[in-house]
């Protein structure tokens, strides 16, 4: 009986909270500022943390030098392309 009473009270509290939240409105600028704050807070380590903690950031700011400007001589084979060609030829034979 205690479990049923506890479940009833929890569900009742959740239903009342849901009704209260449906009537709760904030102006649009508050939503925009909240979204901007969440974006900065979730990316704080990427934005600020790496610049202060990583001493090699100065070396990474230099542009890398390319050793060779010629394209690779190794051909790239795509097995999916041959599968599509086989499927197209089998469709035209039917």
C-alpha atoms as a PDB file:
ATOM      1  CA  UNK A   1       0.000   0.000   0.000  1.00  0.00           C
ATOM      2  CA  UNK A   2       2.892   2.365   0.724  1.00  0.00           C
ATOM      3  CA  UNK A   3       4.305   1.842  -2.777  1.00  0.00           C
ATOM      4  CA  UNK A   4       0.956   2.737  -4.364  1.00  0.00           C
ATOM      5  CA  UNK A   5       0.690   5.856  -2.229  1.00  0.00           C
ATOM      6  CA  UNK A   6       4.252   6.927  -3.072  1.00  0.00           C
ATOM      7  CA  UNK A   7       3.687   6.349  -6.810  1.00  0.00           C
ATOM      8  CA  UNK A   8       0.425   8.314  -6.660  1.00  0.00           C
ATOM      9  CA  UNK A   9       2.095  11.252  -4.930  1.00  0.00           C
ATOM     10  CA  UNK A  10       5.029  11.288  -7.370  1.00  0.00           C
ATOM     11  CA  UNK A  11       2.731  11.139 -10.417  1.00  0.00           C
ATOM     12  CA  UNK A  12       0.470  13.815  -8.939  1.00  0.00           C
ATOM     13  CA  UNK A  13       3.456  16.097  -8.314  1.00  0.00           C
ATOM     14  CA  UNK A  14       4.734  15.522 -11.871  1.00  0.00           C
ATOM     15  CA  UNK A  15       1.316  16.288 -13.354  1.00  0.00           C
ATOM     16  CA  UNK A  16       1.033  19.523 -11.360  1.00  0.00           C
ATOM     17  CA  UNK A  17       4.567  20.522 -12.327  1.00  0.00           C
ATOM     18  CA  UNK A  18       3.779  19.853 -15.994  1.00  0.00           C
ATOM     19  CA  UNK A  19       0.647  22.025 -15.798  1.00  0.00           C
ATOM     20  CA  UNK A  20       2.624  24.813 -14.143  1.00  0.00           C
ATOM     21  CA  UNK A  21       5.383  24.624 -16.775  1.00  0.00           C
ATOM     22  CA  UNK A  22       2.838  24.873 -19.614  1.00  0.00           C
ATOM     23  CA  UNK A  23       1.655  28.221 -18.268  1.00  0.00           C
ATOM     24  CA  UNK A  24       5.201  29.497 -17.681  1.00  0.00           C
ATOM     25  CA  UNK A  25       6.340  31.807 -20.499  1.00  0.00           C
ATOM     26  CA  UNK A  26       9.548  33.752 -20.981  1.00  0.00           C
ATOM     27  CA  UNK A  27      10.189  36.517 -23.522  1.00  0.00           C
ATOM     28  CA  UNK A  28      12.133  35.639 -26.678  1.00  0.00           C
ATOM     29  CA  UNK A  29      15.365  37.513 -25.742  1.00  0.00           C
ATOM     30  CA  UNK A  30      15.664  35.338 -22.625  1.00  0.00           C
ATOM     31  CA  UNK A  31      15.490  32.206 -24.802  1.00  0.00           C
ATOM     32  CA  UNK A  32      18.140  33.631 -27.150  1.00  0.00           C
ATOM     33  CA  UNK A  33      20.476  34.546 -24.296  1.00  0.00           C
ATOM     34  CA  UNK A  34      19.910  31.160 -22.674  1.00  0.00           C
ATOM     35  CA  UNK A  35      20.753  29.368 -25.915  1.00  0.00           C
ATOM     36  CA  UNK A  36      23.901  31.428 -26.393  1.00  0.00           C
ATOM     37  CA  UNK A  37      24.960  30.709 -22.810  1.00  0.00           C
ATOM     38  CA  UNK A  38      24.401  26.971 -23.278  1.00  0.00           C
ATOM     39  CA  UNK A  39      26.412  26.998 -26.516  1.00  0.00           C
ATOM     40  CA  UNK A  40      29.353  28.757 -24.851  1.00  0.00           C
ATOM     41  CA  UNK A  41      29.150  26.599 -21.733  1.00  0.00           C
ATOM     42  CA  UNK A  42      29.086  23.341 -23.672  1.00  0.00           C
ATOM     43  CA  UNK A  43      32.045  24.362 -25.865  1.00  0.00           C
ATOM     44  CA  UNK A  44      34.041  26.160 -23.162  1.00  0.00           C
ATOM     45  CA  UNK A  45      36.899  23.650 -23.214  1.00  0.00           C
ATOM     46  CA  UNK A  46      37.248  23.902 -26.990  1.00  0.00           C
ATOM     47  CA  UNK A  47      37.013  27.704 -27.072  1.00  0.00           C
ATOM     48  CA  UNK A  48      38.995  28.846 -24.036  1.00  0.00           C
ATOM     49  CA  UNK A  49      40.591  25.839 -22.357  1.00  0.00           C
ATOM     50  CA  UNK A  50      42.819  24.751 -25.209  1.00  0.00           C
ATOM     51  CA  UNK A  51      44.315  28.231 -25.688  1.00  0.00           C
ATOM     52  CA  UNK A  52      45.353  28.574 -22.063  1.00  0.00           C
ATOM     53  CA  UNK A  53      46.489  25.003 -21.394  1.00  0.00           C
ATOM     54  CA  UNK A  54      48.270  24.053 -24.645  1.00  0.00           C
ATOM     55  CA  UNK A  55      51.702  25.685 -25.167  1.00  0.00           C
ATOM     56  CA  UNK A  56      52.023  24.198 -28.648  1.00  0.00           C
ATOM     57  CA  UNK A  57      49.239  26.453 -29.977  1.00  0.00           C
ATOM     58  CA  UNK A  58      51.845  28.850 -31.361  1.00  0.00           C
ATOM     59  CA  UNK A  59      53.367  26.084 -33.474  1.00  0.00           C
ATOM     60  CA  UNK A  60      49.987  25.022 -34.803  1.00  0.00           C
ATOM     61  CA  UNK A  61      49.169  28.561 -35.942  1.00  0.00           C
ATOM     62  CA  UNK A  62      51.880  28.347 -38.605  1.00  0.00           C
ATOM     63  CA  UNK A  63      50.694  27.087 -41.963  1.00  0.00           C
ATOM     64  CA  UNK A  64      51.990  23.616 -42.832  1.00  0.00           C
ATOM     65  CA  UNK A  65      54.406  23.246 -45.723  1.00  0.00           C
ATOM     66  CA  UNK A  66      53.476  20.719 -48.386  1.00  0.00           C
ATOM     67  CA  UNK A  67      56.353  18.458 -49.406  1.00  0.00           C
ATOM     68  CA  UNK A  68      54.874  17.336 -52.665  1.00  0.00           C
ATOM     69  CA  UNK A  69      52.309  19.068 -54.830  1.00  0.00           C
ATOM     70  CA  UNK A  70      51.931  16.144 -57.227  1.00  0.00           C
ATOM     71  CA  UNK A  71      48.886  13.899 -56.804  1.00  0.00           C
ATOM     72  CA  UNK A  72      49.250  10.374 -55.592  1.00  0.00           C
ATOM     73  CA  UNK A  73      49.900   7.684 -58.208  1.00  0.00           C
ATOM     74  CA  UNK A  74      47.968   5.024 -56.274  1.00  0.00           C
ATOM     75  CA  UNK A  75      44.541   4.518 -57.865  1.00  0.00           C
ATOM     76  CA  UNK A  76      41.493   4.462 -55.660  1.00  0.00           C
ATOM     77  CA  UNK A  77      39.111   1.619 -56.375  1.00  0.00           C
ATOM     78  CA  UNK A  78      35.513   1.758 -55.316  1.00  0.00           C
ATOM     79  CA  UNK A  79      33.859  -1.646 -55.020  1.00  0.00           C
ATOM     80  CA  UNK A  80      30.433  -0.011 -54.768  1.00  0.00           C
ATOM     81  CA  UNK A  81      30.789   1.424 -58.272  1.00  0.00           C
ATOM     82  CA  UNK A  82      31.382  -2.029 -59.769  1.00  0.00           C
ATOM     83  CA  UNK A  83      28.382  -3.360 -57.840  1.00  0.00           C
ATOM     84  CA  UNK A  84      26.188  -0.606 -59.310  1.00  0.00           C
ATOM     85  CA  UNK A  85      27.458  -1.342 -62.819  1.00  0.00           C
ATOM     86  CA  UNK A  86      26.707  -5.059 -62.349  1.00  0.00           C
ATOM     87  CA  UNK A  87      23.204  -4.253 -61.122  1.00  0.00           C
ATOM     88  CA  UNK A  88      22.579  -1.934 -64.067  1.00  0.00           C
ATOM     89  CA  UNK A  89      23.713  -4.541 -66.597  1.00  0.00           C
ATOM     90  CA  UNK A  90      21.530  -7.213 -64.963  1.00  0.00           C
ATOM     91  CA  UNK A  91      18.524  -4.878 -65.153  1.00  0.00           C
ATOM     92  CA  UNK A  92      19.095  -4.143 -68.838  1.00  0.00           C
ATOM     93  CA  UNK A  93      19.484  -7.880 -69.625  1.00  0.00           C
ATOM     94  CA  UNK A  94      16.036  -8.655 -68.115  1.00  0.00           C
END
